[in-house]
Full PDB file with SEQRES, HELIX, SHEET, SSBOND, CRYST1, ORIGX, SCALE, CONECT and MASTER records, all heavy atoms in Angstrom:
SEQRES   1 A   36  LEU VAL ASP ALA ARG ILE PRO TYR SER SER HIS ASN PRO          
SEQRES   2 A   36  ASP ILE ASP GLU LEU GLY ARG ASN LYS ALA ARG LEU VAL          
SEQRES   3 A   36  LEU LEU ASN LYS ALA ASP LEU ALA ASP GLU                      
HELIX    1 AA1 ASP A   14  LEU A   18  1                                   5    
HELIX    2 AA2 ALA A   31  LEU A   33  5                                   3    
SHEET    1 AA1 2 VAL A   2  ASP A   3  0                                        
SHEET    2 AA1 2 LEU A  28  ASN A  29  1                                        
CRYST1    1.000    1.000    1.000  90.00  90.00  90.00 P 1           1          
ORIGX1      1.000000  0.000000  0.000000        0.00000                         
ORIGX2      0.000000  1.000000  0.000000        0.00000                         
ORIGX3      0.000000  0.000000  1.000000        0.00000                         
SCALE1      1.000000  0.000000  0.000000        0.00000                         
SCALE2      0.000000  1.000000  0.000000        0.00000                         
SCALE3      0.000000  0.000000  1.000000        0.00000                         
ATOM      1  N   LEU A   1      -2.821   3.863  -1.183  1.00  0.00           N  
ATOM      2  CA  LEU A   1      -3.504   2.724  -1.781  1.00  0.00           C  
ATOM      3  C   LEU A   1      -2.478   1.837  -2.461  1.00  0.00           C  
ATOM      4  O   LEU A   1      -1.597   2.325  -3.190  1.00  0.00           O  
ATOM      5  CB  LEU A   1      -4.542   3.171  -2.808  1.00  0.00           C  
ATOM      6  CG  LEU A   1      -5.922   3.506  -2.236  1.00  0.00           C  
ATOM      7  CD1 LEU A   1      -5.916   4.920  -1.660  1.00  0.00           C  
ATOM      8  CD2 LEU A   1      -7.003   3.382  -3.302  1.00  0.00           C  
ATOM      9  N   VAL A   2      -2.584   0.544  -2.206  1.00  0.00           N  
ATOM     10  CA  VAL A   2      -1.784  -0.441  -2.925  1.00  0.00           C  
ATOM     11  C   VAL A   2      -2.733  -1.454  -3.543  1.00  0.00           C  
ATOM     12  O   VAL A   2      -3.892  -1.564  -3.144  1.00  0.00           O  
ATOM     13  CB  VAL A   2      -0.768  -1.155  -2.005  1.00  0.00           C  
ATOM     14  CG1 VAL A   2       0.217  -0.159  -1.408  1.00  0.00           C  
ATOM     15  CG2 VAL A   2      -1.458  -1.953  -0.900  1.00  0.00           C  
ATOM     16  N   ASP A   3      -2.263  -2.166  -4.534  1.00  0.00           N  
ATOM     17  CA  ASP A   3      -3.038  -3.241  -5.152  1.00  0.00           C  
ATOM     18  C   ASP A   3      -2.879  -4.474  -4.280  1.00  0.00           C  
ATOM     19  O   ASP A   3      -1.761  -4.953  -4.063  1.00  0.00           O  
ATOM     20  CB  ASP A   3      -2.517  -3.498  -6.571  1.00  0.00           C  
ATOM     21  CG  ASP A   3      -3.379  -4.460  -7.362  1.00  0.00           C  
ATOM     22  OD1 ASP A   3      -3.836  -5.475  -6.792  1.00  0.00           O  
ATOM     23  OD2 ASP A   3      -3.586  -4.221  -8.568  1.00  0.00           O  
ATOM     24  N   ALA A   4      -3.984  -4.998  -3.755  1.00  0.00           N  
ATOM     25  CA  ALA A   4      -3.919  -6.127  -2.824  1.00  0.00           C  
ATOM     26  C   ALA A   4      -3.280  -7.367  -3.444  1.00  0.00           C  
ATOM     27  O   ALA A   4      -2.811  -8.248  -2.722  1.00  0.00           O  
ATOM     28  CB  ALA A   4      -5.325  -6.469  -2.323  1.00  0.00           C  
ATOM     29  N   ARG A   5      -3.240  -7.448  -4.767  1.00  0.00           N  
ATOM     30  CA  ARG A   5      -2.611  -8.598  -5.415  1.00  0.00           C  
ATOM     31  C   ARG A   5      -1.091  -8.484  -5.408  1.00  0.00           C  
ATOM     32  O   ARG A   5      -0.388  -9.488  -5.479  1.00  0.00           O  
ATOM     33  CB  ARG A   5      -3.131  -8.729  -6.853  1.00  0.00           C  
ATOM     34  CG  ARG A   5      -4.617  -8.984  -6.946  1.00  0.00           C  
ATOM     35  CD  ARG A   5      -5.136  -8.764  -8.356  1.00  0.00           C  
ATOM     36  NE  ARG A   5      -4.995  -7.373  -8.778  1.00  0.00           N  
ATOM     37  CZ  ARG A   5      -5.336  -6.894  -9.966  1.00  0.00           C  
ATOM     38  NH1 ARG A   5      -5.859  -7.720 -10.867  1.00  0.00           N  
ATOM     39  NH2 ARG A   5      -5.189  -5.610 -10.261  1.00  0.00           N  
ATOM     40  N   ILE A   6      -0.582  -7.237  -5.330  1.00  0.00           N  
ATOM     41  CA  ILE A   6       0.865  -7.005  -5.344  1.00  0.00           C  
ATOM     42  C   ILE A   6       1.210  -5.858  -4.373  1.00  0.00           C  
ATOM     43  O   ILE A   6       1.726  -4.819  -4.782  1.00  0.00           O  
ATOM     44  CB  ILE A   6       1.383  -6.681  -6.765  1.00  0.00           C  
ATOM     45  CG1 ILE A   6       0.604  -5.506  -7.382  1.00  0.00           C  
ATOM     46  CG2 ILE A   6       1.320  -7.899  -7.660  1.00  0.00           C  
ATOM     47  CD1 ILE A   6       1.289  -4.908  -8.617  1.00  0.00           C  
ATOM     48  N   PRO A   7       0.963  -6.030  -3.079  1.00  0.00           N  
ATOM     49  CA  PRO A   7       1.203  -4.924  -2.149  1.00  0.00           C  
ATOM     50  C   PRO A   7       2.639  -4.430  -2.117  1.00  0.00           C  
ATOM     51  O   PRO A   7       2.887  -3.231  -1.931  1.00  0.00           O  
ATOM     52  CB  PRO A   7       0.794  -5.519  -0.794  1.00  0.00           C  
ATOM     53  CG  PRO A   7      -0.190  -6.591  -1.140  1.00  0.00           C  
ATOM     54  CD  PRO A   7       0.338  -7.178  -2.415  1.00  0.00           C  
ATOM     55  N   TYR A   8       3.594  -5.326  -2.281  1.00  0.00           N  
ATOM     56  CA  TYR A   8       5.003  -4.919  -2.259  1.00  0.00           C  
ATOM     57  C   TYR A   8       5.358  -4.107  -3.503  1.00  0.00           C  
ATOM     58  O   TYR A   8       5.909  -3.009  -3.405  1.00  0.00           O  
ATOM     59  CB  TYR A   8       5.907  -6.151  -2.164  1.00  0.00           C  
ATOM     60  CG  TYR A   8       7.373  -5.832  -2.297  1.00  0.00           C  
ATOM     61  CD1 TYR A   8       8.055  -5.168  -1.284  1.00  0.00           C  
ATOM     62  CD2 TYR A   8       8.080  -6.205  -3.447  1.00  0.00           C  
ATOM     63  CE1 TYR A   8       9.413  -4.874  -1.413  1.00  0.00           C  
ATOM     64  CE2 TYR A   8       9.427  -5.910  -3.574  1.00  0.00           C  
ATOM     65  CZ  TYR A   8      10.086  -5.247  -2.563  1.00  0.00           C  
ATOM     66  OH  TYR A   8      11.424  -4.947  -2.695  1.00  0.00           O  
ATOM     67  N   SER A   9       5.021  -4.628  -4.662  1.00  0.00           N  
ATOM     68  CA  SER A   9       5.397  -3.953  -5.907  1.00  0.00           C  
ATOM     69  C   SER A   9       4.606  -2.672  -6.138  1.00  0.00           C  
ATOM     70  O   SER A   9       5.098  -1.743  -6.792  1.00  0.00           O  
ATOM     71  CB  SER A   9       5.211  -4.899  -7.103  1.00  0.00           C  
ATOM     72  OG  SER A   9       6.138  -5.962  -7.044  1.00  0.00           O  
ATOM     73  N   SER A  10       3.377  -2.599  -5.634  1.00  0.00           N  
ATOM     74  CA  SER A  10       2.567  -1.398  -5.849  1.00  0.00           C  
ATOM     75  C   SER A  10       2.767  -0.353  -4.755  1.00  0.00           C  
ATOM     76  O   SER A  10       2.132   0.700  -4.774  1.00  0.00           O  
ATOM     77  CB  SER A  10       1.083  -1.754  -5.964  1.00  0.00           C  
ATOM     78  OG  SER A  10       0.624  -2.420  -4.800  1.00  0.00           O  
ATOM     79  N   HIS A  11       3.652  -0.643  -3.796  1.00  0.00           N  
ATOM     80  CA  HIS A  11       4.035   0.353  -2.788  1.00  0.00           C  
ATOM     81  C   HIS A  11       5.154   1.205  -3.344  1.00  0.00           C  
ATOM     82  O   HIS A  11       6.148   0.690  -3.861  1.00  0.00           O  
ATOM     83  CB  HIS A  11       4.496  -0.348  -1.512  1.00  0.00           C  
ATOM     84  CG  HIS A  11       5.267   0.537  -0.579  1.00  0.00           C  
ATOM     85  ND1 HIS A  11       4.721   1.659   0.007  1.00  0.00           N  
ATOM     86  CD2 HIS A  11       6.559   0.471  -0.142  1.00  0.00           C  
ATOM     87  CE1 HIS A  11       5.628   2.239   0.767  1.00  0.00           C  
ATOM     88  NE2 HIS A  11       6.760   1.539   0.692  1.00  0.00           N  
ATOM     89  N   ASN A  12       5.006   2.512  -3.253  1.00  0.00           N  
ATOM     90  CA  ASN A  12       6.052   3.419  -3.695  1.00  0.00           C  
ATOM     91  C   ASN A  12       6.984   3.697  -2.520  1.00  0.00           C  
ATOM     92  O   ASN A  12       6.576   4.319  -1.543  1.00  0.00           O  
ATOM     93  CB  ASN A  12       5.433   4.729  -4.197  1.00  0.00           C  
ATOM     94  CG  ASN A  12       6.473   5.666  -4.796  1.00  0.00           C  
ATOM     95  OD1 ASN A  12       7.651   5.552  -4.507  1.00  0.00           O  
ATOM     96  ND2 ASN A  12       6.011   6.581  -5.617  1.00  0.00           N  
ATOM     97  N   PRO A  13       8.235   3.244  -2.571  1.00  0.00           N  
ATOM     98  CA  PRO A  13       9.141   3.450  -1.442  1.00  0.00           C  
ATOM     99  C   PRO A  13       9.410   4.920  -1.129  1.00  0.00           C  
ATOM    100  O   PRO A  13       9.808   5.249  -0.015  1.00  0.00           O  
ATOM    101  CB  PRO A  13      10.425   2.725  -1.877  1.00  0.00           C  
ATOM    102  CG  PRO A  13      10.314   2.565  -3.344  1.00  0.00           C  
ATOM    103  CD  PRO A  13       8.855   2.472  -3.666  1.00  0.00           C  
ATOM    104  N   ASP A  14       9.166   5.816  -2.079  1.00  0.00           N  
ATOM    105  CA  ASP A  14       9.303   7.250  -1.797  1.00  0.00           C  
ATOM    106  C   ASP A  14       8.377   7.675  -0.663  1.00  0.00           C  
ATOM    107  O   ASP A  14       8.684   8.603   0.091  1.00  0.00           O  
ATOM    108  CB  ASP A  14       8.963   8.078  -3.042  1.00  0.00           C  
ATOM    109  CG  ASP A  14      10.024   7.966  -4.132  1.00  0.00           C  
ATOM    110  OD1 ASP A  14      11.179   7.652  -3.795  1.00  0.00           O  
ATOM    111  OD2 ASP A  14       9.698   8.183  -5.305  1.00  0.00           O  
ATOM    112  N   ILE A  15       7.223   7.010  -0.539  1.00  0.00           N  
ATOM    113  CA  ILE A  15       6.236   7.416   0.459  1.00  0.00           C  
ATOM    114  C   ILE A  15       6.744   7.145   1.878  1.00  0.00           C  
ATOM    115  O   ILE A  15       6.383   7.853   2.822  1.00  0.00           O  
ATOM    116  CB  ILE A  15       4.888   6.724   0.186  1.00  0.00           C  
ATOM    117  CG1 ILE A  15       4.306   7.285  -1.118  1.00  0.00           C  
ATOM    118  CG2 ILE A  15       3.902   6.916   1.334  1.00  0.00           C  
ATOM    119  CD1 ILE A  15       3.048   6.605  -1.590  1.00  0.00           C  
ATOM    120  N   ASP A  16       7.617   6.137   2.042  1.00  0.00           N  
ATOM    121  CA  ASP A  16       8.192   5.889   3.361  1.00  0.00           C  
ATOM    122  C   ASP A  16       8.982   7.097   3.843  1.00  0.00           C  
ATOM    123  O   ASP A  16       8.911   7.476   5.015  1.00  0.00           O  
ATOM    124  CB  ASP A  16       9.094   4.647   3.324  1.00  0.00           C  
ATOM    125  CG  ASP A  16       8.312   3.369   3.115  1.00  0.00           C  
ATOM    126  OD1 ASP A  16       7.135   3.322   3.512  1.00  0.00           O  
ATOM    127  OD2 ASP A  16       8.873   2.422   2.539  1.00  0.00           O  
ATOM    128  N   GLU A  17       9.733   7.703   2.934  1.00  0.00           N  
ATOM    129  CA  GLU A  17      10.509   8.886   3.284  1.00  0.00           C  
ATOM    130  C   GLU A  17       9.617  10.109   3.412  1.00  0.00           C  
ATOM    131  O   GLU A  17       9.715  10.878   4.374  1.00  0.00           O  
ATOM    132  CB  GLU A  17      11.591   9.134   2.224  1.00  0.00           C  
ATOM    133  CG  GLU A  17      12.458  10.363   2.470  1.00  0.00           C  
ATOM    134  CD  GLU A  17      13.298  10.260   3.738  1.00  0.00           C  
ATOM    135  OE1 GLU A  17      13.623   9.122   4.137  1.00  0.00           O  
ATOM    136  OE2 GLU A  17      13.616  11.308   4.330  1.00  0.00           O  
ATOM    137  N   LEU A  18       8.712  10.280   2.454  1.00  0.00           N  
ATOM    138  CA  LEU A  18       7.826  11.443   2.476  1.00  0.00           C  
ATOM    139  C   LEU A  18       6.918  11.437   3.701  1.00  0.00           C  
ATOM    140  O   LEU A  18       6.609  12.485   4.263  1.00  0.00           O  
ATOM    141  CB  LEU A  18       6.968  11.473   1.207  1.00  0.00           C  
ATOM    142  CG  LEU A  18       7.681  11.790  -0.111  1.00  0.00           C  
ATOM    143  CD1 LEU A  18       6.762  11.515  -1.286  1.00  0.00           C  
ATOM    144  CD2 LEU A  18       8.158  13.229  -0.142  1.00  0.00           C  
ATOM    145  N   GLY A  19       6.479  10.251   4.109  1.00  0.00           N  
ATOM    146  CA  GLY A  19       5.515  10.146   5.195  1.00  0.00           C  
ATOM    147  C   GLY A  19       6.125   9.928   6.563  1.00  0.00           C  
ATOM    148  O   GLY A  19       5.406   9.614   7.514  1.00  0.00           O  
ATOM    149  N   ARG A  20       7.423  10.102   6.670  1.00  0.00           N  
ATOM    150  CA  ARG A  20       8.077   9.932   7.970  1.00  0.00           C  
ATOM    151  C   ARG A  20       7.484  10.923   8.976  1.00  0.00           C  
ATOM    152  O   ARG A  20       7.252  12.087   8.653  1.00  0.00           O  
ATOM    153  CB  ARG A  20       9.575  10.158   7.830  1.00  0.00           C  
ATOM    154  CG  ARG A  20      10.366   9.895   9.100  1.00  0.00           C  
ATOM    155  CD  ARG A  20      11.833  10.125   8.887  1.00  0.00           C  
ATOM    156  NE  ARG A  20      12.400   9.156   7.943  1.00  0.00           N  
ATOM    157  CZ  ARG A  20      13.677   9.167   7.560  1.00  0.00           C  
ATOM    158  NH1 ARG A  20      14.491  10.096   8.016  1.00  0.00           N  
ATOM    159  NH2 ARG A  20      14.124   8.251   6.708  1.00  0.00           N  
ATOM    160  N   ASN A  21       7.222  10.443  10.177  1.00  0.00           N  
ATOM    161  CA  ASN A  21       6.644  11.251  11.264  1.00  0.00           C  
ATOM    162  C   ASN A  21       5.175  11.610  11.024  1.00  0.00           C  
ATOM    163  O   ASN A  21       4.630  12.462  11.735  1.00  0.00           O  
ATOM    164  CB  ASN A  21       7.450  12.533  11.508  1.00  0.00           C  
ATOM    165  CG  ASN A  21       8.893  12.237  11.868  1.00  0.00           C  
ATOM    166  OD1 ASN A  21       9.166  11.286  12.590  1.00  0.00           O  
ATOM    167  ND2 ASN A  21       9.817  13.043  11.357  1.00  0.00           N  
ATOM    168  N   LYS A  22       4.555  10.993  10.058  1.00  0.00           N  
ATOM    169  CA  LYS A  22       3.120  11.158   9.834  1.00  0.00           C  
ATOM    170  C   LYS A  22       2.411   9.842  10.149  1.00  0.00           C  
ATOM    171  O   LYS A  22       2.996   8.760  10.020  1.00  0.00           O  
ATOM    172  CB  LYS A  22       2.826  11.552   8.371  1.00  0.00           C  
ATOM    173  CG  LYS A  22       3.468  12.855   7.920  1.00  0.00           C  
ATOM    174  CD  LYS A  22       2.824  14.054   8.584  1.00  0.00           C  
ATOM    175  CE  LYS A  22       3.451  15.360   8.077  1.00  0.00           C  
ATOM    176  NZ  LYS A  22       2.828  16.544   8.705  1.00  0.00           N  
ATOM    177  N   ALA A  23       1.160   9.931  10.575  1.00  0.00           N  
ATOM    178  CA  ALA A  23       0.371   8.710  10.717  1.00  0.00           C  
ATOM    179  C   ALA A  23       0.216   8.060   9.351  1.00  0.00           C  
ATOM    180  O   ALA A  23       0.157   8.757   8.326  1.00  0.00           O  
ATOM    181  CB  ALA A  23      -0.993   9.031  11.316  1.00  0.00           C  
ATOM    182  N   ARG A  24       0.140   6.724   9.316  1.00  0.00           N  
ATOM    183  CA  ARG A  24       0.104   6.005   8.037  1.00  0.00           C  
ATOM    184  C   ARG A  24      -1.075   5.031   8.016  1.00  0.00           C  
ATOM    185  O   ARG A  24      -1.356   4.335   8.997  1.00  0.00           O  
ATOM    186  CB  ARG A  24       1.391   5.215   7.829  1.00  0.00           C  
ATOM    187  CG  ARG A  24       2.659   6.043   7.699  1.00  0.00           C  
ATOM    188  CD  ARG A  24       2.850   6.572   6.298  1.00  0.00           C  
ATOM    189  NE  ARG A  24       2.909   5.501   5.335  1.00  0.00           N  
ATOM    190  CZ  ARG A  24       4.024   4.788   5.079  1.00  0.00           C  
ATOM    191  NH1 ARG A  24       5.142   5.040   5.740  1.00  0.00           N  
ATOM    192  NH2 ARG A  24       4.011   3.826   4.170  1.00  0.00           N  
ATOM    193  N   LEU A  25      -1.729   4.979   6.874  1.00  0.00           N  
ATOM    194  CA  LEU A  25      -2.810   4.031   6.626  1.00  0.00           C  
ATOM    195  C   LEU A  25      -2.623   3.453   5.241  1.00  0.00           C  
ATOM    196  O   LEU A  25      -2.497   4.205   4.268  1.00  0.00           O  
ATOM    197  CB  LEU A  25      -4.176   4.720   6.730  1.00  0.00           C  
ATOM    198  CG  LEU A  25      -5.406   3.949   6.221  1.00  0.00           C  
ATOM    199  CD1 LEU A  25      -5.579   2.635   6.963  1.00  0.00           C  
ATOM    200  CD2 LEU A  25      -6.661   4.814   6.339  1.00  0.00           C  
ATOM    201  N   VAL A  26      -2.575   2.138   5.136  1.00  0.00           N  
ATOM    202  CA  VAL A  26      -2.493   1.457   3.841  1.00  0.00           C  
ATOM    203  C   VAL A  26      -3.847   0.844   3.535  1.00  0.00           C  
ATOM    204  O   VAL A  26      -4.428   0.136   4.370  1.00  0.00           O  
ATOM    205  CB  VAL A  26      -1.405   0.367   3.841  1.00  0.00           C  
ATOM    206  CG1 VAL A  26      -1.523  -0.509   2.592  1.00  0.00           C  
ATOM    207  CG2 VAL A  26      -0.018   0.992   3.902  1.00  0.00           C  
ATOM    208  N   LEU A  27      -4.361   1.132   2.364  1.00  0.00           N  
ATOM    209  CA  LEU A  27      -5.604   0.539   1.894  1.00  0.00           C  
ATOM    210  C   LEU A  27      -5.275  -0.528   0.855  1.00  0.00           C  
ATOM    211  O   LEU A  27      -4.704  -0.217  -0.195  1.00  0.00           O  
ATOM    212  CB  LEU A  27      -6.514   1.607   1.276  1.00  0.00           C  
ATOM    213  CG  LEU A  27      -6.930   2.753   2.202  1.00  0.00           C  
ATOM    214  CD1 LEU A  27      -7.825   3.732   1.451  1.00  0.00           C  
ATOM    215  CD2 LEU A  27      -7.632   2.237   3.447  1.00  0.00           C  
ATOM    216  N   LEU A  28      -5.603  -1.775   1.178  1.00  0.00           N  
ATOM    217  CA  LEU A  28      -5.390  -2.882   0.244  1.00  0.00           C  
ATOM    218  C   LEU A  28      -6.554  -2.891  -0.734  1.00  0.00           C  
ATOM    219  O   LEU A  28      -7.556  -3.587  -0.546  1.00  0.00           O  
ATOM    220  CB  LEU A  28      -5.297  -4.204   1.004  1.00  0.00           C  
ATOM    221  CG  LEU A  28      -4.024  -4.389   1.843  1.00  0.00           C  
ATOM    222  CD1 LEU A  28      -4.252  -5.388   2.954  1.00  0.00           C  
ATOM    223  CD2 LEU A  28      -2.869  -4.839   0.957  1.00  0.00           C  
ATOM    224  N   ASN A  29      -6.433  -2.073  -1.778  1.00  0.00           N  
ATOM    225  CA  ASN A  29      -7.522  -1.935  -2.730  1.00  0.00           C  
ATOM    226  C   ASN A  29      -7.575  -3.136  -3.680  1.00  0.00           C  
ATOM    227  O   ASN A  29      -6.598  -3.852  -3.844  1.00  0.00           O  
ATOM    228  CB  ASN A  29      -7.360  -0.635  -3.527  1.00  0.00           C  
ATOM    229  CG  ASN A  29      -8.656  -0.222  -4.192  1.00  0.00           C  
ATOM    230  OD1 ASN A  29      -9.750  -0.550  -3.724  1.00  0.00           O  
ATOM    231  ND2 ASN A  29      -8.562   0.500  -5.294  1.00  0.00           N  
ATOM    232  N   LYS A  30      -8.732  -3.332  -4.271  1.00  0.00           N  
ATOM    233  CA  LYS A  30      -8.975  -4.482  -5.147  1.00  0.00           C  
ATOM    234  C   LYS A  30      -8.835  -5.783  -4.357  1.00  0.00           C  
ATOM    235  O   LYS A  30      -8.466  -6.828  -4.913  1.00  0.00           O  
ATOM    236  CB  LYS A  30      -8.051  -4.458  -6.362  1.00  0.00           C  
ATOM    237  CG  LYS A  30      -8.116  -3.143  -7.142  1.00  0.00           C  
ATOM    238  CD  LYS A  30      -7.235  -3.120  -8.362  1.00  0.00           C  
ATOM    239  CE  LYS A  30      -7.276  -1.748  -9.041  1.00  0.00           C  
ATOM    240  NZ  LYS A  30      -6.456  -1.669 -10.258  1.00  0.00           N  
ATOM    241  N   ALA A  31      -9.147  -5.714  -3.059  1.00  0.00           N  
ATOM    242  CA  ALA A  31      -9.031  -6.901  -2.200  1.00  0.00           C  
ATOM    243  C   ALA A  31      -9.967  -8.010  -2.644  1.00  0.00           C  
ATOM    244  O   ALA A  31      -9.727  -9.185  -2.353  1.00  0.00           O  
ATOM    245  CB  ALA A  31      -9.308  -6.523  -0.747  1.00  0.00           C  
ATOM    246  N   ASP A  32     -11.038  -7.650  -3.352  1.00  0.00           N  
ATOM    247  CA  ASP A  32     -11.979  -8.651  -3.854  1.00  0.00           C  
ATOM    248  C   ASP A  32     -11.360  -9.517  -4.946  1.00  0.00           C  
ATOM    249  O   ASP A  32     -11.839 -10.618  -5.218  1.00  0.00           O  
ATOM    250  CB  ASP A  32     -13.231  -7.966  -4.398  1.00  0.00           C  
ATOM    251  CG  ASP A  32     -12.909  -6.985  -5.514  1.00  0.00           C  
ATOM    252  OD1 ASP A  32     -12.023  -6.117  -5.313  1.00  0.00           O  
ATOM    253  OD2 ASP A  32     -13.531  -7.073  -6.593  1.00  0.00           O  
ATOM    254  N   LEU A  33     -10.285  -9.015  -5.584  1.00  0.00           N  
ATOM    255  CA  LEU A  33      -9.601  -9.780  -6.630  1.00  0.00           C  
ATOM    256  C   LEU A  33      -8.455 -10.610  -6.064  1.00  0.00           C  
ATOM    257  O   LEU A  33      -7.886 -11.442  -6.763  1.00  0.00           O  
ATOM    258  CB  LEU A  33      -9.041  -8.832  -7.698  1.00  0.00           C  
ATOM    259  CG  LEU A  33     -10.053  -7.958  -8.445  1.00  0.00           C  
ATOM    260  CD1 LEU A  33      -9.335  -7.016  -9.404  1.00  0.00           C  
ATOM    261  CD2 LEU A  33     -11.065  -8.823  -9.201  1.00  0.00           C  
ATOM    262  N   ALA A  34      -8.115 -10.352  -4.798  1.00  0.00           N  
ATOM    263  CA  ALA A  34      -6.949 -10.984  -4.178  1.00  0.00           C  
ATOM    264  C   ALA A  34      -7.366 -12.157  -3.296  1.00  0.00           C  
ATOM    265  O   ALA A  34      -8.483 -12.222  -2.798  1.00  0.00           O  
ATOM    266  CB  ALA A  34      -6.171  -9.953  -3.372  1.00  0.00           C  
ATOM    267  N   ASP A  35      -6.413 -13.045  -3.079  1.00  0.00           N  
ATOM    268  CA  ASP A  35      -6.576 -14.217  -2.230  1.00  0.00           C  
ATOM    269  C   ASP A  35      -6.850 -13.750  -0.796  1.00  0.00           C  
ATOM    270  O   ASP A  35      -6.037 -13.047  -0.198  1.00  0.00           O  
ATOM    271  CB  ASP A  35      -5.272 -15.017  -2.308  1.00  0.00           C  
ATOM    272  CG  ASP A  35      -5.327 -16.343  -1.598  1.00  0.00           C  
ATOM    273  OD1 ASP A  35      -5.941 -16.416  -0.513  1.00  0.00           O  
ATOM    274  OD2 ASP A  35      -4.732 -17.306  -2.101  1.00  0.00           O  
ATOM    275  N   GLU A  36      -7.984 -14.143  -0.219  1.00  0.00           N  
ATOM    276  CA  GLU A  36      -8.374 -13.622   1.095  1.00  0.00           C  
ATOM    277  C   GLU A  36      -7.381 -14.024   2.192  1.00  0.00           C  
ATOM    278  O   GLU A  36      -7.084 -13.219   3.092  1.00  0.00           O  
ATOM    279  CB  GLU A  36      -9.778 -14.095   1.471  1.00  0.00           C  
ATOM    280  CG  GLU A  36     -10.254 -13.650   2.841  1.00  0.00           C  
ATOM    281  CD  GLU A  36     -10.249 -12.141   3.045  1.00  0.00           C  
ATOM    282  OE1 GLU A  36     -10.244 -11.383   2.054  1.00  0.00           O  
ATOM    283  OE2 GLU A  36     -10.233 -11.712   4.212  1.00  0.00           O  
TER     284      GLU A  36                                                      
MASTER        0    0    0    2    2    0    0    6  283    1    0    3          
END                                                                             
């Protein structure tokens, strides 16, 4: 889950390494507060 208002800053770069070779799904949460 990332905050849709700040997807870059709310992404934890550790997860890229931890999730290597795993399927990935990002949920842009709080999308109702973000610019569509």
